[in-house]
């Protein structure tokens, strides 16, 4: 997952969590406020009803500590028109009168008895169930409880209120979420843009492309960009000095190497029949040739990297070039006891430097022969695919570990499993530079049954 996507997900997750908690808090606050308001309203109604009932009781039942059924029914008849659904119970929780004949209730008799007993002790008590509030309060006269008043209050309007608030919050949350998505995308893009540029520059540095990065500002990313630029300049200077040093040393070595090689050939003719001297001169000649080859490769690579190597591009019949190179490599294949087979598509044309492309193919064949066991097979195929010519060289050798497949194109790099084989470590680096100069590509893959597959692609021309 990209950093930009992570930013967006984090922003949205935080937004949704905040919206959820805020929504729950708002709904609970409105619900509690509504219930508290209803509670205060019911307390006020019960106080008025108690005052009215106690006065009526004083007139009709003077001296009695019990509210008579007649008074209860009379009170219900009057107060039922004002308060709606009300009931009056005596101290034994017996129903004396009700404003509605339907006594069905959403609460059980046990639940109703609990709030009535609580009210009989002189306290207000209520229970909300199934959108209905059951509120009970004591009816007192001269400090004595003479009955219990129960007001049954519908809470449907609270549900409608909560439903309306929930709809408003949902719409608001949706609009807010859309805005936060747009804002988070904008912020994430702004934050990750310089980071992406830093990542691109780091990737360029890995490929030795030291393009300076300009990020204005004084924040940490700008400071990091300036550090990157300083590091790139130092690396570029170091690599340039290193290349110049290697080039200078190689130039200086050519003259003494030529002399050593000439004298070793002269000695080979003059030593006569002494086996010990013949062996010494033989090794001297071989090592001087190997060192001369290394110097030539270093100078070639140096010229290519500095742009001093000349390329002569012409339209080439790549099929014929590959076939001719295979013919030339047959003797070398026999030396390594390699069976070389080919499958070449005819009339494959590319634009390139014939000498340089032959050098590429020879290098690839040379590697395939060196790293393959005797009596193994090297397969060569050339085919056309849309706009590219694809050359594949498949061997049955030791293969290249995955972690080394890109590094082997660096100068002097040797894969860990190839250290024992005598080689300069410059061949594939030269191949890569030549292929890049032809706007092509080259990659190495490992076969399941062992060995290495080289895939070389060059642009086709008509």
Protein backbone atom coordinates (compact mmCIF):
# COMPACT_ATOMS: atom_id res chain seq x y z
CA UNK A 1 0.00 0.00 0.00
CA UNK A 2 1.33 3.43 -0.97
CA UNK A 3 1.97 6.14 1.59
CA UNK A 4 -0.74 8.36 0.06
CA UNK A 5 -3.33 5.60 0.46
CA UNK A 6 -2.23 5.06 4.07
CA UNK A 7 -2.67 8.77 4.82
CA UNK A 8 -6.17 8.73 3.35
CA UNK A 9 -7.16 5.60 5.27
CA UNK A 10 -5.79 7.02 8.55
CA UNK A 11 -7.60 10.34 8.05
CA UNK A 12 -10.89 8.64 7.18
CA UNK A 13 -10.60 6.13 10.01
CA UNK A 14 -10.01 8.93 12.52
CA UNK A 15 -12.90 10.90 11.00
CA UNK A 16 -15.35 8.01 11.18
CA UNK A 17 -14.36 7.16 14.75
CA UNK A 18 -14.83 10.80 15.80
CA UNK A 19 -18.16 11.01 13.96
CA UNK A 20 -19.32 7.80 15.62
CA UNK A 21 -18.46 8.98 19.13
CA UNK A 22 -19.86 12.48 18.53
CA UNK A 23 -23.06 11.03 17.05
CA UNK A 24 -23.55 8.66 19.97
CA UNK A 25 -22.82 11.46 22.46
CA UNK A 26 -25.28 13.84 20.75
CA UNK A 27 -28.03 11.21 20.57
CA UNK A 28 -27.54 10.23 24.22
CA UNK A 29 -27.52 13.87 25.29
CA UNK A 30 -30.75 14.62 23.41
CA UNK A 31 -32.36 11.47 24.76
CA UNK A 32 -31.33 12.23 28.36
CA UNK A 33 -32.44 15.85 27.98
CA UNK A 34 -35.83 14.72 26.65
CA UNK A 35 -36.31 12.23 29.47
CA UNK A 36 -35.27 14.80 32.09
CA UNK A 37 -37.69 17.33 30.59
CA UNK A 38 -40.52 14.79 30.65
CA UNK A 39 -39.59 13.84 34.19
CA UNK A 40 -39.81 17.46 35.33
CA UNK A 41 -43.09 17.86 33.49
CA UNK A 42 -44.55 14.76 35.12
CA UNK A 43 -43.35 15.92 38.57
CA UNK A 44 -45.10 19.24 37.99
CA UNK A 45 -48.28 17.53 36.87
CA UNK A 46 -48.22 15.14 39.79
CA UNK A 47 -47.73 18.04 42.24
CA UNK A 48 -50.75 19.85 40.82
CA UNK A 49 -52.79 16.65 40.88
CA UNK A 50 -51.73 15.87 44.47
CA UNK A 51 -52.72 19.36 45.61
CA UNK A 52 -56.09 19.03 43.93
CA UNK A 53 -56.70 15.51 45.32
CA UNK A 54 -55.64 16.41 48.89
CA UNK A 55 -57.95 19.44 48.93
CA UNK A 56 -60.83 17.38 47.61
CA UNK A 57 -60.09 14.66 50.15
CA UNK A 58 -60.12 17.22 52.97
CA UNK A 59 -63.57 18.30 51.93
CA UNK A 60 -65.16 14.91 51.23
CA UNK A 61 -63.32 12.57 53.62
CA UNK A 62 -62.31 14.75 56.54
CA UNK A 63 -60.32 12.87 59.13
CA UNK A 64 -59.79 9.71 56.98
CA UNK A 65 -56.27 8.41 56.15
CA UNK A 66 -57.52 6.60 53.04
CA UNK A 67 -58.69 8.09 49.77
CA UNK A 68 -62.21 6.83 49.08
CA UNK A 69 -63.10 5.13 45.79
CA UNK A 70 -65.73 7.81 45.13
CA UNK A 71 -63.17 10.60 45.49
CA UNK A 72 -60.69 8.67 43.32
CA UNK A 73 -63.26 8.19 40.56
CA UNK A 74 -64.31 11.83 40.78
CA UNK A 75 -60.68 12.96 40.53
CA UNK A 76 -60.04 10.66 37.58
CA UNK A 77 -63.05 12.08 35.80
CA UNK A 78 -61.72 15.62 36.17
CA UNK A 79 -57.97 15.08 35.80
CA UNK A 80 -58.21 12.47 33.04
CA UNK A 81 -59.37 15.23 30.68
CA UNK A 82 -56.19 17.20 31.44
CA UNK A 83 -53.50 14.59 32.03
CA UNK A 84 -54.72 11.83 29.75
CA UNK A 85 -54.10 8.28 30.95
CA UNK A 86 -53.89 8.30 34.77
CA UNK A 87 -54.59 5.78 37.53
CA UNK A 88 -55.11 6.01 41.29
CA UNK A 89 -54.17 3.20 43.68
CA UNK A 90 -54.73 2.86 47.41
CA UNK A 91 -51.94 2.09 49.88
CA UNK A 92 -52.41 -1.63 49.26
CA UNK A 93 -51.70 -1.07 45.55
CA UNK A 94 -55.31 -1.79 44.64
CA UNK A 95 -56.53 0.06 41.57
CA UNK A 96 -59.26 2.47 42.65
CA UNK A 97 -59.88 4.32 39.42
CA UNK A 98 -58.47 4.69 35.91
CA UNK A 99 -59.12 7.25 33.19
CA UNK A 100 -59.16 4.48 30.57
CA UNK A 101 -60.96 1.18 30.83
CA UNK A 102 -58.23 -0.63 28.88
CA UNK A 103 -55.81 -1.77 31.55
CA UNK A 104 -53.41 -3.56 29.16
CA UNK A 105 -49.91 -2.31 29.70
CA UNK A 106 -46.47 -2.78 28.18
CA UNK A 107 -45.03 -3.50 31.64
CA UNK A 108 -45.80 -6.52 33.77
CA UNK A 109 -47.75 -6.40 36.98
CA UNK A 110 -44.52 -7.07 38.90
CA UNK A 111 -42.75 -4.11 37.25
CA UNK A 112 -45.77 -1.91 37.88
CA UNK A 113 -45.92 -3.03 41.52
CA UNK A 114 -42.24 -2.10 42.00
CA UNK A 115 -42.70 1.53 40.97
CA UNK A 116 -45.95 1.73 42.99
CA UNK A 117 -44.22 0.43 46.14
CA UNK A 118 -41.41 2.93 45.61
CA UNK A 119 -44.00 5.71 45.35
CA UNK A 120 -45.83 4.43 48.47
CA UNK A 121 -42.64 5.12 50.43
CA UNK A 122 -42.95 8.79 49.54
CA UNK A 123 -40.65 8.88 46.49
CA UNK A 124 -41.19 9.60 42.84
CA UNK A 125 -40.65 6.53 40.67
CA UNK A 126 -40.87 5.89 36.96
CA UNK A 127 -40.11 3.29 34.36
CA UNK A 128 -39.75 3.79 30.59
CA UNK A 129 -40.62 0.81 28.46
CA UNK A 130 -41.75 0.37 24.88
CA UNK A 131 -42.07 4.10 24.20
CA UNK A 132 -44.19 4.66 27.34
CA UNK A 133 -43.26 6.29 30.66
CA UNK A 134 -44.96 4.98 33.82
CA UNK A 135 -44.65 7.69 36.49
CA UNK A 136 -45.89 7.09 40.06
CA UNK A 137 -46.02 9.65 42.89
CA UNK A 138 -47.49 9.52 46.44
CA UNK A 139 -50.68 11.40 47.31
CA UNK A 140 -50.13 12.85 50.77
CA UNK A 141 -52.44 14.55 53.21
CA UNK A 142 -51.21 16.00 56.50
CA UNK A 143 -47.97 14.01 56.21
CA UNK A 144 -49.70 10.70 55.51
CA UNK A 145 -49.81 8.84 52.20
CA UNK A 146 -53.48 8.38 51.29
CA UNK A 147 -52.94 6.93 47.80
CA UNK A 148 -50.74 6.64 44.76
CA UNK A 149 -51.10 8.54 41.48
CA UNK A 150 -49.77 6.93 38.28
CA UNK A 151 -49.44 8.89 35.07
CA UNK A 152 -48.94 6.89 31.89
CA UNK A 153 -47.16 9.16 29.43
CA UNK A 154 -46.54 8.19 25.76
CA UNK A 155 -42.92 8.71 24.61
CA UNK A 156 -43.58 8.40 20.87
CA UNK A 157 -42.68 12.02 20.22
CA UNK A 158 -39.24 11.35 21.75
CA UNK A 159 -38.75 8.53 19.27
CA UNK A 160 -39.77 10.82 16.44
CA UNK A 161 -37.38 13.44 17.76
CA UNK A 162 -34.53 10.92 18.00
CA UNK A 163 -35.33 9.61 14.52
CA UNK A 164 -35.26 13.13 13.11
CA UNK A 165 -32.01 13.95 14.89
CA UNK A 166 -30.51 10.67 13.66
CA UNK A 167 -31.48 11.51 10.07
CA UNK A 168 -29.97 14.98 10.39
CA UNK A 169 -26.79 13.56 11.94
CA UNK A 170 -26.57 10.90 9.20
CA UNK A 171 -26.88 13.48 6.43
CA UNK A 172 -24.40 15.74 8.20
CA UNK A 173 -22.01 12.85 8.75
CA UNK A 174 -22.25 11.87 5.07
CA UNK A 175 -21.54 15.41 3.89
CA UNK A 176 -18.71 15.72 6.42
CA UNK A 177 -17.26 12.37 5.35
CA UNK A 178 -17.30 13.39 1.67
CA UNK A 179 -15.59 16.66 2.56
CA UNK A 180 -13.03 14.80 4.68
CA UNK A 181 -12.36 12.37 1.82
CA UNK A 182 -11.66 15.27 -0.54
CA UNK A 183 -9.61 17.10 2.08
CA UNK A 184 -7.65 13.95 3.01
CA UNK A 185 -6.89 13.24 -0.66
CA UNK A 186 -5.68 16.82 -1.09
CA UNK A 187 -3.58 16.74 2.10
CA UNK A 188 -2.18 13.28 1.35
CA UNK A 189 -1.23 14.40 -2.17
CA UNK A 190 0.50 17.52 -0.82
CA UNK A 191 2.35 15.54 1.87
CA UNK A 192 3.41 12.63 -0.32
CA UNK A 193 4.41 14.61 -3.41
CA UNK A 194 7.84 15.65 -2.04
CA UNK A 195 8.28 12.19 -0.51
CA UNK A 196 7.58 10.58 -3.88
CA UNK A 197 10.09 12.92 -5.47
CA UNK A 198 12.65 11.93 -2.83
CA UNK A 199 11.96 8.25 -3.54
CA UNK A 200 12.37 8.89 -7.27
CA UNK A 201 15.68 10.67 -6.68
CA UNK A 202 16.87 7.85 -4.40
CA UNK A 203 16.02 5.36 -7.16
CA UNK A 204 17.91 7.52 -9.65
CA UNK A 205 20.90 7.60 -7.31
CA UNK A 206 20.79 3.81 -7.15
CA UNK A 207 21.03 3.84 -10.96
CA UNK A 208 23.81 6.47 -10.83
CA UNK A 209 21.61 9.27 -12.18
CA UNK A 210 22.48 12.19 -9.93
CA UNK A 211 19.79 14.72 -10.84
CA UNK A 212 19.45 17.47 -8.19
CA UNK A 213 16.14 17.76 -6.36
CA UNK A 214 14.52 21.13 -5.67
CA UNK A 215 12.01 21.31 -2.81
CA UNK A 216 11.37 24.78 -1.44
CA UNK A 217 10.74 25.38 2.23
CA UNK A 218 12.43 24.94 5.56
CA UNK A 219 10.68 21.85 6.92
CA UNK A 220 12.24 18.44 7.50
CA UNK A 221 11.54 17.21 3.96
CA UNK A 222 13.25 20.26 2.44
CA UNK A 223 16.26 19.67 4.68
CA UNK A 224 16.30 16.02 3.62
CA UNK A 225 16.17 17.09 -0.04
CA UNK A 226 19.17 19.37 0.45
CA UNK A 227 21.03 16.50 2.15
CA UNK A 228 20.16 14.26 -0.80
CA UNK A 229 21.56 16.83 -3.23
CA UNK A 230 24.77 17.15 -1.23
CA UNK A 231 25.12 13.38 -1.05
CA UNK A 232 24.47 13.08 -4.80
CA UNK A 233 27.11 15.67 -5.62
CA UNK A 234 29.64 13.87 -3.42
CA UNK A 235 28.80 10.48 -4.91
CA UNK A 236 29.00 11.85 -8.44
CA UNK A 237 32.38 13.41 -7.74
CA UNK A 238 33.62 10.21 -6.08
CA UNK A 239 32.47 7.99 -8.96
CA UNK A 240 33.96 10.36 -11.51
CA UNK A 241 37.28 10.39 -9.68
CA UNK A 242 37.18 6.61 -9.44
CA UNK A 243 36.50 6.23 -13.16
CA UNK A 244 39.23 8.70 -14.00
CA UNK A 245 41.67 6.89 -11.75
CA UNK A 246 40.89 3.49 -13.28
CA UNK A 247 41.13 4.95 -16.78
CA UNK A 248 44.48 6.60 -16.07
CA UNK A 249 45.91 3.46 -14.48
CA UNK A 250 44.69 1.35 -17.40
CA UNK A 251 46.33 3.68 -19.90
CA UNK A 252 49.56 3.54 -17.96
CA UNK A 253 49.43 -0.27 -17.85
CA UNK A 254 49.03 -0.77 -21.57
CA UNK A 255 52.63 0.10 -22.45
CA UNK A 256 54.38 -2.18 -19.91
CA UNK A 257 51.87 -4.96 -20.64
CA UNK A 258 52.65 -4.77 -24.34
CA UNK A 259 56.34 -5.01 -23.51
CA UNK A 260 55.81 -7.94 -21.12
CA UNK A 261 53.75 -9.79 -23.71
CA UNK A 262 56.36 -9.14 -26.42
CA UNK A 263 59.25 -10.31 -24.26
CA UNK A 264 57.32 -13.41 -23.11
CA UNK A 265 56.76 -14.39 -26.75
CA UNK A 266 60.43 -13.75 -27.48
CA UNK A 267 61.48 -15.89 -24.52
CA UNK A 268 59.18 -18.71 -25.63
CA UNK A 269 61.19 -18.94 -28.85
CA UNK A 270 64.62 -18.69 -27.18
CA UNK A 271 64.46 -21.01 -24.14
CA UNK A 272 65.01 -24.16 -26.08
CA UNK A 273 64.03 -27.51 -24.52
CA UNK A 274 63.99 -26.56 -20.83
CA UNK A 275 60.54 -27.70 -19.54
CA UNK A 276 60.66 -25.59 -16.38
CA UNK A 277 61.29 -22.38 -18.31
CA UNK A 278 58.67 -23.31 -20.92
CA UNK A 279 56.07 -23.70 -18.18
CA UNK A 280 57.05 -20.39 -16.57
CA UNK A 281 56.95 -18.51 -19.87
CA UNK A 282 53.63 -20.17 -20.76
CA UNK A 283 52.03 -18.92 -17.54
CA UNK A 284 53.66 -15.51 -17.98
CA UNK A 285 52.17 -15.22 -21.45
CA UNK A 286 48.68 -16.34 -20.32
CA UNK A 287 48.59 -13.96 -17.38
CA UNK A 288 49.82 -11.06 -19.49
CA UNK A 289 47.06 -11.77 -22.03
CA UNK A 290 44.46 -11.93 -19.26
CA UNK A 291 45.72 -8.66 -17.79
CA UNK A 292 45.76 -7.05 -21.23
CA UNK A 293 42.15 -8.15 -21.73
CA UNK A 294 41.20 -6.63 -18.37
CA UNK A 295 42.86 -3.33 -19.29
CA UNK A 296 41.10 -3.28 -22.67
CA UNK A 297 37.72 -3.93 -21.02
CA UNK A 298 38.31 -1.21 -18.42
CA UNK A 299 39.23 1.28 -21.15
CA UNK A 300 36.22 0.27 -23.25
CA UNK A 301 33.88 0.66 -20.30
CA UNK A 302 35.46 4.00 -19.41
CA UNK A 303 34.96 5.30 -22.97
CA UNK A 304 31.33 4.16 -23.00
CA UNK A 305 30.52 5.70 -19.61
CA UNK A 306 32.15 9.02 -20.49
CA UNK A 307 30.52 9.16 -23.93
CA UNK A 308 33.82 8.89 -25.80
CA UNK A 309 33.02 5.52 -27.38
CA UNK A 310 31.72 5.94 -30.93
CA UNK A 311 28.66 4.01 -32.09
CA UNK A 312 27.89 3.59 -35.79
CA UNK A 313 24.20 2.79 -36.13
CA UNK A 314 22.89 1.14 -39.29
CA UNK A 315 19.98 -1.05 -40.24
CA UNK A 316 21.14 -4.61 -39.52
CA UNK A 317 19.81 -8.05 -40.30
CA UNK A 318 19.98 -9.24 -36.69
CA UNK A 319 19.14 -12.81 -37.75
CA UNK A 320 22.23 -13.06 -39.96
CA UNK A 321 24.39 -11.36 -37.32
CA UNK A 322 23.35 -13.90 -34.66
CA UNK A 323 23.86 -16.83 -37.06
CA UNK A 324 27.35 -15.63 -38.02
CA UNK A 325 28.28 -15.17 -34.37
CA UNK A 326 27.05 -18.68 -33.55
CA UNK A 327 29.28 -20.05 -36.35
CA UNK A 328 32.27 -18.23 -34.88
CA UNK A 329 31.52 -19.54 -31.37
CA UNK A 330 31.20 -23.21 -32.38
CA UNK A 331 34.90 -23.90 -31.88
CA UNK A 332 34.83 -22.28 -28.44
CA UNK A 333 31.74 -24.34 -27.54
CA UNK A 334 33.62 -27.52 -28.48
CA UNK A 335 36.50 -26.47 -26.23
CA UNK A 336 34.11 -26.38 -23.26
CA UNK A 337 32.30 -29.53 -24.53
CA UNK A 338 29.07 -27.56 -24.90
CA UNK A 339 26.32 -28.55 -27.33
CA UNK A 340 25.09 -25.35 -28.99
CA UNK A 341 21.64 -25.43 -30.63
CA UNK A 342 19.73 -22.53 -32.17
CA UNK A 343 16.29 -21.49 -33.37
CA UNK A 344 16.64 -18.23 -35.31
CA UNK A 345 13.73 -16.42 -36.96
CA UNK A 346 14.75 -14.99 -40.34
CA UNK A 347 14.60 -11.38 -41.44
CA UNK A 348 14.69 -9.74 -38.00
CA UNK A 349 15.97 -6.20 -38.48
CA UNK A 350 17.26 -3.78 -35.84
CA UNK A 351 19.14 -0.51 -35.89
CA UNK A 352 22.52 -0.87 -34.25
CA UNK A 353 26.28 -0.97 -34.28
CA UNK A 354 27.28 -4.34 -35.77
CA UNK A 355 30.64 -4.56 -33.99
CA UNK A 356 29.16 -3.67 -30.60
CA UNK A 357 26.24 -6.11 -30.94
CA UNK A 358 28.65 -8.91 -31.86
CA UNK A 359 30.63 -8.02 -28.73
CA UNK A 360 27.41 -8.33 -26.68
CA UNK A 361 26.51 -11.75 -28.11
CA UNK A 362 30.07 -13.07 -27.75
CA UNK A 363 30.17 -11.97 -24.11
CA UNK A 364 26.84 -13.69 -23.40
CA UNK A 365 27.96 -16.90 -25.11
CA UNK A 366 31.30 -16.78 -23.28
CA UNK A 367 29.51 -16.57 -19.91
CA UNK A 368 27.12 -19.39 -20.84
CA UNK A 369 30.07 -21.66 -21.78
CA UNK A 370 32.22 -20.82 -18.75
CA UNK A 371 29.50 -21.36 -16.15
CA UNK A 372 28.00 -24.53 -17.67
CA UNK A 373 29.23 -28.06 -16.96
CA UNK A 374 30.77 -30.17 -19.78
CA UNK A 375 28.35 -32.06 -22.06
CA UNK A 376 25.51 -29.62 -21.26
CA UNK A 377 23.40 -27.68 -23.78
CA UNK A 378 23.17 -23.97 -24.56
CA UNK A 379 20.06 -22.97 -26.52
CA UNK A 380 19.81 -19.79 -28.58
CA UNK A 381 16.55 -18.41 -29.96
CA UNK A 382 15.63 -15.23 -31.82
CA UNK A 383 12.07 -14.16 -32.49
CA UNK A 384 9.97 -11.09 -33.20
CA UNK A 385 7.33 -9.90 -30.73
CA UNK A 386 5.23 -6.82 -31.64
CA UNK A 387 7.89 -4.05 -31.79
CA UNK A 388 10.88 -5.92 -30.33
CA UNK A 389 13.48 -8.47 -31.34
CA UNK A 390 13.96 -10.95 -28.49
CA UNK A 391 17.20 -12.92 -28.21
CA UNK A 392 17.29 -15.65 -25.55
CA UNK A 393 20.35 -17.62 -24.47
CA UNK A 394 19.53 -20.50 -22.13
CA UNK A 395 22.22 -22.52 -20.37
CA UNK A 396 22.30 -25.35 -17.85
CA UNK A 397 24.97 -23.81 -15.67
CA UNK A 398 25.30 -22.84 -12.03
CA UNK A 399 22.68 -20.07 -12.26
CA UNK A 400 22.69 -16.66 -10.60
CA UNK A 401 21.17 -16.11 -7.12
CA UNK A 402 18.18 -13.76 -7.13
CA UNK A 403 19.94 -11.14 -5.00
CA UNK A 404 22.82 -10.96 -7.55
CA UNK A 405 20.85 -10.71 -10.82
CA UNK A 406 20.85 -6.93 -10.98
CA UNK A 407 24.24 -6.43 -9.33
CA UNK A 408 26.12 -8.54 -11.91
CA UNK A 409 25.75 -5.65 -14.36
CA UNK A 410 27.89 -3.48 -12.07
CA UNK A 411 31.58 -3.23 -12.89
CA UNK A 412 33.82 -5.82 -11.16
CA UNK A 413 30.84 -7.45 -9.40
CA UNK A 414 30.98 -11.23 -9.15
CA UNK A 415 28.14 -13.44 -7.95
CA UNK A 416 29.02 -15.43 -4.81
CA UNK A 417 28.72 -18.80 -6.58
CA UNK A 418 31.05 -17.67 -9.42
CA UNK A 419 34.06 -16.54 -7.39
CA UNK A 420 36.07 -19.65 -8.23
CA UNK A 421 35.88 -19.06 -12.00
CA UNK A 422 38.52 -16.76 -13.48
CA UNK A 423 36.78 -13.66 -14.88
CA UNK A 424 37.23 -9.88 -14.86
CA UNK A 425 33.68 -8.98 -13.78
CA UNK A 426 33.40 -6.33 -16.53
CA UNK A 427 31.79 -8.29 -19.37
CA UNK A 428 28.16 -7.90 -18.33
CA UNK A 429 28.71 -4.27 -17.37
CA UNK A 430 29.93 -3.55 -20.93
CA UNK A 431 27.00 -5.55 -22.33
CA UNK A 432 24.52 -3.50 -20.29
CA UNK A 433 25.96 -0.18 -21.47
CA UNK A 434 25.93 -1.28 -25.12
CA UNK A 435 22.33 -2.54 -24.87
CA UNK A 436 21.25 0.73 -23.19
CA UNK A 437 22.90 2.68 -26.01
CA UNK A 438 20.71 0.69 -28.44
CA UNK A 439 17.53 1.60 -26.44
CA UNK A 440 17.16 -2.06 -25.52
CA UNK A 441 16.93 -4.06 -22.32
CA UNK A 442 18.57 -7.13 -20.82
CA UNK A 443 17.62 -9.24 -17.83
CA UNK A 444 18.59 -12.55 -16.28
CA UNK A 445 16.22 -15.19 -14.95
CA UNK A 446 16.81 -18.52 -13.26
CA UNK A 447 15.26 -21.64 -14.69
CA UNK A 448 13.36 -24.10 -12.50
CA UNK A 449 15.58 -26.97 -13.62
CA UNK A 450 18.75 -24.91 -13.11
CA UNK A 451 20.85 -22.62 -15.23
CA UNK A 452 20.33 -19.06 -16.44
CA UNK A 453 18.18 -17.49 -19.15
CA UNK A 454 19.43 -14.24 -20.71
CA UNK A 455 16.67 -12.19 -22.36
CA UNK A 456 17.90 -9.43 -24.66
CA UNK A 457 15.35 -7.09 -26.30
CA UNK A 458 16.06 -4.57 -29.06
CA UNK A 459 13.63 -2.32 -30.97
CA UNK A 460 12.63 -3.60 -34.40
CA UNK A 461 12.95 -1.51 -37.57
CA UNK A 462 11.09 -1.97 -40.85
